[in-house]
Amino acid sequence: MKKLNQKVVLETKKLSKHFGGIKAIDNINMKLYENEIIAIVGDNGAGKSTLIKTITSVYKKDEGEIYISGEKAHISNPKDARTYGIETVYQDGGVIPILDATANLFLGRVKPKDNLLGKVFQFVDYKYMRKETVQLLDRLGVTLKDINAGVNNLSGGQRQSIAVGRAIYWGGKILIFDEPTNNLGVQQERKIIDLIKRIRVEFGVSIIVISHNIAHVFELVDRIIILRNGQIIGERIKEKTNMNEIVSMITGVAEKVTNSQSPPSIDTVLGH
């Protein structure tokens, strides 16, 4: 594990989201460090997806604050989140199946030509966009037989790779993966795991992974945060825990943290 003495790139303080009388997430305090990979794990309904959707303002927070690199962030919608460098890759990848890799990479952000036709009539520079797509996928180690083929002709792992590439290309410094290996075959799972490892090294990003696959979590991450009933009930450095302990904490077999107790902070764990 890398020594976590870098700056905090994302922090939530007392972040809460309620749906009526249900506290989907309640008083969430967490940190993500520069170039770190963390996992958020928990059983169904623990609040994992609600947490990331509240951070990115798919859901409006009811309480709490979000800080990016130490500064309070004002995130009212997912577009605001992207301006802060937060990009989310969901289970379905968010790609349009009938479009090719280039169109998906530049989805909603096409590049006009750098001439009169582009400036006045918004003619699209397809040649530039295709070149950028090829270079990016090459850097990510992704090979497509036909760059012009609709992504519906690609494997699930390749579609996911295009979504990851889009997040990187548009300035994502904090990447959130929601079940990145879900519904993939074994070989495609391996490619996505390798891709996530590669982009941390290649692009120096910080990553949050939400996954129910504890084996994948232990292969990928530096630190694990466990949610239950919308609250953080503990967090562990990967090297100082094991899969049995994490599963026990998820399922409630391990001793519960009571309301009068606070889970150990990452600063305490690391001796900061």
C-alpha atoms as a PDB file:
ATOM      1  CA  MET A   1       0.000   0.000   0.000  1.00  0.00           C
ATOM      2  CA  LYS A   2       1.169   3.520  -0.778  1.00  0.00           C
ATOM      3  CA  LYS A   3       1.914   5.710   2.231  1.00  0.00           C
ATOM      4  CA  LEU A   4      -1.088   7.999   2.561  1.00  0.00           C
ATOM      5  CA  ASN A   5       0.672  11.260   3.359  1.00  0.00           C
ATOM      6  CA  GLN A   6      -0.689  13.076   0.323  1.00  0.00           C
ATOM      7  CA  LYS A   7      -3.328  15.750   0.350  1.00  0.00           C
ATOM      8  CA  VAL A   8      -7.010  15.027   0.813  1.00  0.00           C
ATOM      9  CA  VAL A   9      -8.697  15.421  -2.574  1.00  0.00           C
ATOM     10  CA  LEU A  10     -12.268  14.673  -1.477  1.00  0.00           C
ATOM     11  CA  GLU A  11     -13.854  14.932   1.956  1.00  0.00           C
ATOM     12  CA  THR A  12     -17.420  14.692   3.190  1.00  0.00           C
ATOM     13  CA  LYS A  13     -18.474  16.076   6.556  1.00  0.00           C
ATOM     14  CA  LYS A  14     -21.753  14.949   8.138  1.00  0.00           C
ATOM     15  CA  LEU A  15     -23.182  14.224   4.686  1.00  0.00           C
ATOM     16  CA  SER A  16     -26.794  13.040   4.917  1.00  0.00           C
ATOM     17  CA  LYS A  17     -29.622  12.210   2.540  1.00  0.00           C
ATOM     18  CA  HIS A  18     -33.129  11.315   3.687  1.00  0.00           C
ATOM     19  CA  PHE A  19     -36.053   9.972   1.711  1.00  0.00           C
ATOM     20  CA  GLY A  20     -39.043  10.814   3.873  1.00  0.00           C
ATOM     21  CA  GLY A  21     -38.354   9.204   7.227  1.00  0.00           C
ATOM     22  CA  ILE A  22     -35.663   6.907   5.837  1.00  0.00           C
ATOM     23  CA  LYS A  23     -32.059   7.959   6.424  1.00  0.00           C
ATOM     24  CA  ALA A  24     -30.437   6.592   3.276  1.00  0.00           C
ATOM     25  CA  ILE A  25     -27.070   8.004   4.351  1.00  0.00           C
ATOM     26  CA  ASP A  26     -26.578   9.556   7.749  1.00  0.00           C
ATOM     27  CA  ASN A  27     -23.694  11.681   9.020  1.00  0.00           C
ATOM     28  CA  ILE A  28     -21.056  10.388   6.574  1.00  0.00           C
ATOM     29  CA  ASN A  29     -17.519  11.591   7.301  1.00  0.00           C
ATOM     30  CA  MET A  30     -14.948  10.233   4.892  1.00  0.00           C
ATOM     31  CA  LYS A  31     -11.760  11.202   3.103  1.00  0.00           C
ATOM     32  CA  LEU A  32     -10.154  10.231  -0.187  1.00  0.00           C
ATOM     33  CA  TYR A  33      -6.464  10.909  -0.562  1.00  0.00           C
ATOM     34  CA  GLU A  34      -4.448  11.824  -3.626  1.00  0.00           C
ATOM     35  CA  ASN A  35      -3.729   8.792  -5.845  1.00  0.00           C
ATOM     36  CA  GLU A  36      -5.560   6.484  -3.427  1.00  0.00           C
ATOM     37  CA  ILE A  37      -8.103   3.780  -4.251  1.00  0.00           C
ATOM     38  CA  ILE A  38     -10.791   3.133  -1.663  1.00  0.00           C
ATOM     39  CA  ALA A  39     -13.742   0.762  -1.667  1.00  0.00           C
ATOM     40  CA  ILE A  40     -17.177   1.453  -0.250  1.00  0.00           C
ATOM     41  CA  VAL A  41     -18.834  -1.841   0.629  1.00  0.00           C
ATOM     42  CA  GLY A  42     -22.039  -2.916   2.270  1.00  0.00           C
ATOM     43  CA  ASP A  43     -25.090  -5.094   1.844  1.00  0.00           C
ATOM     44  CA  ASN A  44     -27.986  -4.170  -0.438  1.00  0.00           C
ATOM     45  CA  GLY A  45     -29.625  -1.028   0.900  1.00  0.00           C
ATOM     46  CA  ALA A  46     -26.589  -0.008   2.943  1.00  0.00           C
ATOM     47  CA  GLY A  47     -26.427   3.359   1.156  1.00  0.00           C
ATOM     48  CA  LYS A  48     -23.486   2.852  -1.209  1.00  0.00           C
ATOM     49  CA  SER A  49     -25.121   4.155  -4.382  1.00  0.00           C
ATOM     50  CA  THR A  50     -26.970   6.876  -2.487  1.00  0.00           C
ATOM     51  CA  LEU A  51     -23.634   8.112  -1.138  1.00  0.00           C
ATOM     52  CA  ILE A  52     -22.027   8.545  -4.544  1.00  0.00           C
ATOM     53  CA  LYS A  53     -25.191  10.033  -6.012  1.00  0.00           C
ATOM     54  CA  THR A  54     -25.285  12.544  -3.181  1.00  0.00           C
ATOM     55  CA  ILE A  55     -21.623  13.449  -3.656  1.00  0.00           C
ATOM     56  CA  THR A  56     -22.283  14.076  -7.358  1.00  0.00           C
ATOM     57  CA  SER A  57     -25.652  15.733  -6.632  1.00  0.00           C
ATOM     58  CA  VAL A  58     -27.779  13.292  -8.552  1.00  0.00           C
ATOM     59  CA  TYR A  59     -29.557  13.463  -5.183  1.00  0.00           C
ATOM     60  CA  LYS A  60     -29.603  16.766  -3.316  1.00  0.00           C
ATOM     61  CA  LYS A  61     -27.954  16.464   0.082  1.00  0.00           C
ATOM     62  CA  ASP A  62     -30.069  17.282   3.130  1.00  0.00           C
ATOM     63  CA  GLU A  63     -27.162  18.011   5.441  1.00  0.00           C
ATOM     64  CA  GLY A  64     -23.395  18.189   5.436  1.00  0.00           C
ATOM     65  CA  GLU A  65     -20.640  19.557   3.238  1.00  0.00           C
ATOM     66  CA  ILE A  66     -18.314  18.318   0.508  1.00  0.00           C
ATOM     67  CA  TYR A  67     -14.744  19.553   0.179  1.00  0.00           C
ATOM     68  CA  ILE A  68     -12.483  19.234  -2.856  1.00  0.00           C
ATOM     69  CA  SER A  69      -8.755  19.675  -2.146  1.00  0.00           C
ATOM     70  CA  GLY A  70      -9.618  21.441   1.105  1.00  0.00           C
ATOM     71  CA  GLU A  71     -12.084  23.913  -0.384  1.00  0.00           C
ATOM     72  CA  LYS A  72     -15.839  23.729   0.163  1.00  0.00           C
ATOM     73  CA  ALA A  73     -17.476  22.521  -3.046  1.00  0.00           C
ATOM     74  CA  HIS A  74     -20.778  23.876  -4.324  1.00  0.00           C
ATOM     75  CA  ILE A  75     -22.260  20.975  -6.263  1.00  0.00           C
ATOM     76  CA  SER A  76     -25.873  21.410  -7.343  1.00  0.00           C
ATOM     77  CA  ASN A  77     -25.962  18.896 -10.205  1.00  0.00           C
ATOM     78  CA  PRO A  78     -23.755  16.274 -11.907  1.00  0.00           C
ATOM     79  CA  LYS A  79     -22.372  18.909 -14.283  1.00  0.00           C
ATOM     80  CA  ASP A  80     -21.039  20.842 -11.303  1.00  0.00           C
ATOM     81  CA  ALA A  81     -19.418  17.642 -10.032  1.00  0.00           C
ATOM     82  CA  ARG A  82     -17.609  17.249 -13.347  1.00  0.00           C
ATOM     83  CA  THR A  83     -16.272  20.811 -13.133  1.00  0.00           C
ATOM     84  CA  TYR A  84     -14.629  19.738  -9.861  1.00  0.00           C
ATOM     85  CA  GLY A  85     -13.066  16.753 -11.658  1.00  0.00           C
ATOM     86  CA  ILE A  86     -15.475  14.123 -10.302  1.00  0.00           C
ATOM     87  CA  GLU A  87     -16.515  11.582 -12.927  1.00  0.00           C
ATOM     88  CA  THR A  88     -18.702   8.543 -12.312  1.00  0.00           C
ATOM     89  CA  VAL A  89     -18.705   5.307 -14.306  1.00  0.00           C
ATOM     90  CA  TYR A  90     -21.921   3.415 -13.614  1.00  0.00           C
ATOM     91  CA  GLN A  91     -22.652  -0.290 -14.065  1.00  0.00           C
ATOM     92  CA  ASP A  92     -24.026   0.164 -17.577  1.00  0.00           C
ATOM     93  CA  GLY A  93     -21.081   2.360 -18.558  1.00  0.00           C
ATOM     94  CA  GLY A  94     -23.353   5.177 -19.715  1.00  0.00           C
ATOM     95  CA  VAL A  95     -22.559   4.563 -23.375  1.00  0.00           C
ATOM     96  CA  ILE A  96     -24.980   4.790 -26.302  1.00  0.00           C
ATOM     97  CA  PRO A  97     -24.938   1.349 -27.994  1.00  0.00           C
ATOM     98  CA  ILE A  98     -25.638   2.496 -31.572  1.00  0.00           C
ATOM     99  CA  LEU A  99     -22.829   5.067 -31.517  1.00  0.00           C
ATOM    100  CA  ASP A 100     -19.158   4.267 -32.112  1.00  0.00           C
ATOM    101  CA  ALA A 101     -16.329   4.789 -29.611  1.00  0.00           C
ATOM    102  CA  THR A 102     -15.549   8.303 -30.867  1.00  0.00           C
ATOM    103  CA  ALA A 103     -19.148   9.510 -30.623  1.00  0.00           C
ATOM    104  CA  ASN A 104     -19.392   8.088 -27.105  1.00  0.00           C
ATOM    105  CA  LEU A 105     -16.130   9.668 -26.003  1.00  0.00           C
ATOM    106  CA  PHE A 106     -17.294  13.095 -27.194  1.00  0.00           C
ATOM    107  CA  LEU A 107     -20.940  12.579 -26.215  1.00  0.00           C
ATOM    108  CA  GLY A 108     -22.425  16.010 -25.569  1.00  0.00           C
ATOM    109  CA  ARG A 109     -19.001  17.647 -26.021  1.00  0.00           C
ATOM    110  CA  VAL A 110     -18.234  17.465 -29.742  1.00  0.00           C
ATOM    111  CA  LYS A 111     -15.256  19.358 -31.146  1.00  0.00           C
ATOM    112  CA  PRO A 112     -16.066  21.967 -33.841  1.00  0.00           C
ATOM    113  CA  LYS A 113     -13.596  22.555 -36.654  1.00  0.00           C
ATOM    114  CA  ASP A 114     -11.002  25.267 -36.013  1.00  0.00           C
ATOM    115  CA  ASN A 115     -12.066  27.284 -39.036  1.00  0.00           C
ATOM    116  CA  LEU A 116     -14.937  29.452 -40.234  1.00  0.00           C
ATOM    117  CA  LEU A 117     -17.176  26.446 -40.796  1.00  0.00           C
ATOM    118  CA  GLY A 118     -16.604  25.324 -37.245  1.00  0.00           C
ATOM    119  CA  LYS A 119     -16.849  28.726 -35.588  1.00  0.00           C
ATOM    120  CA  VAL A 120     -19.892  29.945 -37.464  1.00  0.00           C
ATOM    121  CA  PHE A 121     -21.739  26.804 -38.544  1.00  0.00           C
ATOM    122  CA  GLN A 122     -20.468  24.401 -35.844  1.00  0.00           C
ATOM    123  CA  PHE A 123     -19.165  21.839 -38.345  1.00  0.00           C
ATOM    124  CA  VAL A 124     -17.787  18.931 -36.323  1.00  0.00           C
ATOM    125  CA  ASP A 125     -14.119  17.915 -36.584  1.00  0.00           C
ATOM    126  CA  TYR A 126     -14.603  14.146 -36.861  1.00  0.00           C
ATOM    127  CA  LYS A 127     -10.988  13.560 -37.898  1.00  0.00           C
ATOM    128  CA  TYR A 128      -9.657  15.219 -34.748  1.00  0.00           C
ATOM    129  CA  MET A 129     -12.082  13.367 -32.491  1.00  0.00           C
ATOM    130  CA  ARG A 130     -11.256   9.978 -34.029  1.00  0.00           C
ATOM    131  CA  LYS A 131      -7.509  10.616 -33.634  1.00  0.00           C
ATOM    132  CA  GLU A 132      -7.984  11.588 -29.980  1.00  0.00           C
ATOM    133  CA  THR A 133     -10.060   8.459 -29.371  1.00  0.00           C
ATOM    134  CA  VAL A 134      -7.464   6.153 -30.912  1.00  0.00           C
ATOM    135  CA  GLN A 135      -4.641   7.752 -28.924  1.00  0.00           C
ATOM    136  CA  LEU A 136      -6.565   7.585 -25.662  1.00  0.00           C
ATOM    137  CA  LEU A 137      -7.593   3.948 -26.059  1.00  0.00           C
ATOM    138  CA  ASP A 138      -4.019   3.074 -26.984  1.00  0.00           C
ATOM    139  CA  ARG A 139      -2.775   4.758 -23.813  1.00  0.00           C
ATOM    140  CA  LEU A 140      -5.338   2.773 -21.836  1.00  0.00           C
ATOM    141  CA  GLY A 141      -4.213  -0.452 -23.505  1.00  0.00           C
ATOM    142  CA  VAL A 142      -7.592  -0.979 -25.179  1.00  0.00           C
ATOM    143  CA  THR A 143      -7.646  -2.398 -28.708  1.00  0.00           C
ATOM    144  CA  LEU A 144     -10.753  -2.287 -30.907  1.00  0.00           C
ATOM    145  CA  LYS A 145     -10.973  -4.212 -34.170  1.00  0.00           C
ATOM    146  CA  ASP A 146     -13.040  -1.459 -35.750  1.00  0.00           C
ATOM    147  CA  ILE A 147     -12.967   2.029 -34.240  1.00  0.00           C
ATOM    148  CA  ASN A 148     -16.037   2.946 -36.326  1.00  0.00           C
ATOM    149  CA  ALA A 149     -18.223   0.072 -35.112  1.00  0.00           C
ATOM    150  CA  GLY A 150     -21.144   0.753 -32.807  1.00  0.00           C
ATOM    151  CA  VAL A 151     -20.296  -0.107 -29.225  1.00  0.00           C
ATOM    152  CA  ASN A 152     -23.177  -2.610 -29.203  1.00  0.00           C
ATOM    153  CA  ASN A 153     -20.743  -4.806 -31.157  1.00  0.00           C
ATOM    154  CA  LEU A 154     -18.151  -4.628 -28.382  1.00  0.00           C
ATOM    155  CA  SER A 155     -17.746  -6.718 -25.244  1.00  0.00           C
ATOM    156  CA  GLY A 156     -18.998  -5.435 -21.904  1.00  0.00           C
ATOM    157  CA  GLY A 157     -15.427  -4.829 -20.815  1.00  0.00           C
ATOM    158  CA  GLN A 158     -14.659  -2.777 -23.924  1.00  0.00           C
ATOM    159  CA  ARG A 159     -17.778  -0.669 -23.427  1.00  0.00           C
ATOM    160  CA  GLN A 160     -16.758  -0.072 -19.832  1.00  0.00           C
ATOM    161  CA  SER A 161     -13.266   0.878 -21.009  1.00  0.00           C
ATOM    162  CA  ILE A 162     -14.704   3.530 -23.316  1.00  0.00           C
ATOM    163  CA  ALA A 163     -16.688   4.989 -20.419  1.00  0.00           C
ATOM    164  CA  VAL A 164     -13.520   5.031 -18.295  1.00  0.00           C
ATOM    165  CA  GLY A 165     -11.611   6.680 -21.139  1.00  0.00           C
ATOM    166  CA  ARG A 166     -14.276   9.371 -21.410  1.00  0.00           C
ATOM    167  CA  ALA A 167     -14.001  10.122 -17.690  1.00  0.00           C
ATOM    168  CA  ILE A 168     -10.209  10.423 -17.954  1.00  0.00           C
ATOM    169  CA  TYR A 169     -10.258  12.441 -21.180  1.00  0.00           C
ATOM    170  CA  TRP A 170     -12.557  15.111 -19.781  1.00  0.00           C
ATOM    171  CA  GLY A 171     -10.392  15.843 -16.788  1.00  0.00           C
ATOM    172  CA  GLY A 172     -11.601  13.361 -14.209  1.00  0.00           C
ATOM    173  CA  LYS A 173      -9.250  13.483 -11.222  1.00  0.00           C
ATOM    174  CA  ILE A 174     -11.636  11.689  -8.872  1.00  0.00           C
ATOM    175  CA  LEU A 175     -13.193   8.627 -10.489  1.00  0.00           C
ATOM    176  CA  ILE A 176     -16.106   6.763  -8.959  1.00  0.00           C
ATOM    177  CA  PHE A 177     -16.827   3.230 -10.181  1.00  0.00           C
ATOM    178  CA  ASP A 178     -20.245   1.780  -9.378  1.00  0.00           C
ATOM    179  CA  GLU A 179     -19.940  -2.039  -9.587  1.00  0.00           C
ATOM    180  CA  PRO A 180     -17.353  -1.917 -12.416  1.00  0.00           C
ATOM    181  CA  THR A 181     -17.173  -5.707 -12.897  1.00  0.00           C
ATOM    182  CA  ASN A 182     -20.868  -6.447 -12.538  1.00  0.00           C
ATOM    183  CA  ASN A 183     -22.377  -8.654 -15.300  1.00  0.00           C
ATOM    184  CA  LEU A 184     -18.994  -9.258 -16.932  1.00  0.00           C
ATOM    185  CA  GLY A 185     -17.349 -12.574 -17.753  1.00  0.00           C
ATOM    186  CA  VAL A 186     -14.175 -13.634 -15.992  1.00  0.00           C
ATOM    187  CA  GLN A 187     -11.835 -12.414 -18.746  1.00  0.00           C
ATOM    188  CA  GLN A 188     -13.618  -9.066 -18.998  1.00  0.00           C
ATOM    189  CA  GLU A 189     -13.521  -8.671 -15.215  1.00  0.00           C
ATOM    190  CA  ARG A 190      -9.767  -9.154 -15.336  1.00  0.00           C
ATOM    191  CA  LYS A 191      -9.394  -6.478 -18.015  1.00  0.00           C
ATOM    192  CA  ILE A 192     -11.391  -3.924 -16.049  1.00  0.00           C
ATOM    193  CA  ILE A 193      -9.446  -4.635 -12.848  1.00  0.00           C
ATOM    194  CA  ASP A 194      -6.189  -4.206 -14.751  1.00  0.00           C
ATOM    195  CA  LEU A 195      -7.523  -1.014 -16.349  1.00  0.00           C
ATOM    196  CA  ILE A 196      -8.389   0.538 -12.980  1.00  0.00           C
ATOM    197  CA  LYS A 197      -4.910  -0.301 -11.679  1.00  0.00           C
ATOM    198  CA  ARG A 198      -3.368   1.154 -14.818  1.00  0.00           C
ATOM    199  CA  ILE A 199      -5.187   4.484 -14.744  1.00  0.00           C
ATOM    200  CA  ARG A 200      -4.149   5.075 -11.126  1.00  0.00           C
ATOM    201  CA  VAL A 201      -0.509   4.709 -12.162  1.00  0.00           C
ATOM    202  CA  GLU A 202      -0.774   6.274 -15.630  1.00  0.00           C
ATOM    203  CA  PHE A 203      -2.995   9.247 -14.842  1.00  0.00           C
ATOM    204  CA  GLY A 204      -2.473   9.744 -11.098  1.00  0.00           C
ATOM    205  CA  VAL A 205      -6.173   9.795 -10.288  1.00  0.00           C
ATOM    206  CA  SER A 206      -7.937   9.038  -7.015  1.00  0.00           C
ATOM    207  CA  ILE A 207     -10.579   6.330  -7.195  1.00  0.00           C
ATOM    208  CA  ILE A 208     -13.655   5.213  -5.278  1.00  0.00           C
ATOM    209  CA  VAL A 209     -14.900   1.711  -6.061  1.00  0.00           C
ATOM    210  CA  ILE A 210     -18.314   0.430  -5.027  1.00  0.00           C
ATOM    211  CA  SER A 211     -18.402  -3.340  -5.311  1.00  0.00           C
ATOM    212  CA  HIS A 212     -20.070  -6.382  -3.806  1.00  0.00           C
ATOM    213  CA  ASN A 213     -17.146  -8.539  -4.976  1.00  0.00           C
ATOM    214  CA  ILE A 214     -14.860  -8.628  -1.945  1.00  0.00           C
ATOM    215  CA  ALA A 215     -12.125 -10.522  -3.802  1.00  0.00           C
ATOM    216  CA  HIS A 216     -11.931  -7.730  -6.375  1.00  0.00           C
ATOM    217  CA  VAL A 217     -11.937  -5.151  -3.588  1.00  0.00           C
ATOM    218  CA  PHE A 218      -8.911  -6.772  -1.936  1.00  0.00           C
ATOM    219  CA  GLU A 219      -7.062  -6.866  -5.230  1.00  0.00           C
ATOM    220  CA  LEU A 220      -7.705  -3.235  -6.110  1.00  0.00           C
ATOM    221  CA  VAL A 221      -7.894  -0.941  -3.140  1.00  0.00           C
ATOM    222  CA  ASP A 222      -5.807   0.609  -0.369  1.00  0.00           C
ATOM    223  CA  ARG A 223      -8.588   1.135   2.154  1.00  0.00           C
ATOM    224  CA  ILE A 224     -12.101  -0.202   2.744  1.00  0.00           C
ATOM    225  CA  ILE A 225     -15.062   1.738   4.166  1.00  0.00           C
ATOM    226  CA  ILE A 226     -17.990  -0.333   5.397  1.00  0.00           C
ATOM    227  CA  LEU A 227     -21.551   1.009   5.342  1.00  0.00           C
ATOM    228  CA  ARG A 228     -24.543  -0.430   7.130  1.00  0.00           C
ATOM    229  CA  ASN A 229     -27.972   1.193   7.342  1.00  0.00           C
ATOM    230  CA  GLY A 230     -26.629   4.404   5.838  1.00  0.00           C
ATOM    231  CA  GLN A 231     -23.800   4.848   8.324  1.00  0.00           C
ATOM    232  CA  ILE A 232     -20.080   4.147   8.302  1.00  0.00           C
ATOM    233  CA  ILE A 233     -19.595   1.381  10.839  1.00  0.00           C
ATOM    234  CA  GLY A 234     -15.869   1.012  10.261  1.00  0.00           C
ATOM    235  CA  GLU A 235     -12.951   1.337   7.888  1.00  0.00           C
ATOM    236  CA  ARG A 236      -9.892  -0.783   7.424  1.00  0.00           C
ATOM    237  CA  ILE A 237      -6.501  -0.546   5.769  1.00  0.00           C
ATOM    238  CA  LYS A 238      -6.439  -3.503   3.391  1.00  0.00           C
ATOM    239  CA  GLU A 239      -3.173  -4.909   4.721  1.00  0.00           C
ATOM    240  CA  LYS A 240      -4.524  -4.857   8.285  1.00  0.00           C
ATOM    241  CA  THR A 241      -7.709  -6.833   7.662  1.00  0.00           C
ATOM    242  CA  ASN A 242      -8.988  -9.842   5.754  1.00  0.00           C
ATOM    243  CA  MET A 243     -12.025 -10.859   3.753  1.00  0.00           C
ATOM    244  CA  ASN A 244     -13.652 -12.667   6.674  1.00  0.00           C
ATOM    245  CA  GLU A 245     -13.565  -9.558   8.847  1.00  0.00           C
ATOM    246  CA  ILE A 246     -14.983  -7.345   6.106  1.00  0.00           C
ATOM    247  CA  VAL A 247     -17.800  -9.776   5.327  1.00  0.00           C
ATOM    248  CA  SER A 248     -18.581 -10.032   9.041  1.00  0.00           C
ATOM    249  CA  MET A 249     -18.805  -6.258   9.306  1.00  0.00           C
ATOM    250  CA  ILE A 250     -21.037  -6.047   6.218  1.00  0.00           C
ATOM    251  CA  THR A 251     -23.436  -8.688   7.485  1.00  0.00           C
ATOM    252  CA  GLY A 252     -23.477  -7.504  11.081  1.00  0.00           C
ATOM    253  CA  VAL A 253     -21.793 -10.568  12.554  1.00  0.00           C
ATOM    254  CA  ALA A 254     -18.989  -8.382  13.877  1.00  0.00           C
ATOM    255  CA  GLU A 255     -19.643  -6.245  16.932  1.00  0.00           C
ATOM    256  CA  LYS A 256     -21.733  -3.194  16.027  1.00  0.00           C
ATOM    257  CA  VAL A 257     -20.570   0.316  16.607  1.00  0.00           C
ATOM    258  CA  THR A 258     -23.190   1.928  18.827  1.00  0.00           C
ATOM    259  CA  ASN A 259     -24.625   5.389  18.297  1.00  0.00           C
ATOM    260  CA  SER A 260     -22.563   6.674  21.224  1.00  0.00           C
ATOM    261  CA  GLN A 261     -19.356   5.535  19.559  1.00  0.00           C
ATOM    262  CA  SER A 262     -17.638   6.882  16.488  1.00  0.00           C
ATOM    263  CA  PRO A 263     -15.801   4.606  14.054  1.00  0.00           C
ATOM    264  CA  PRO A 264     -12.046   5.157  14.071  1.00  0.00           C
ATOM    265  CA  SER A 265     -11.079   7.933  11.659  1.00  0.00           C
ATOM    266  CA  ILE A 266      -8.531   7.337   8.920  1.00  0.00           C
ATOM    267  CA  ASP A 267      -6.348   9.987  10.579  1.00  0.00           C
ATOM    268  CA  THR A 268      -6.310   7.888  13.760  1.00  0.00           C
ATOM    269  CA  VAL A 269      -5.591   4.717  11.818  1.00  0.00           C
ATOM    270  CA  LEU A 270      -2.690   6.350   9.993  1.00  0.00           C
ATOM    271  CA  GLY A 271      -1.427   8.248  13.007  1.00  0.00           C
ATOM    272  CA  HIS A 272      -2.017  11.680  11.427  1.00  0.00           C
END
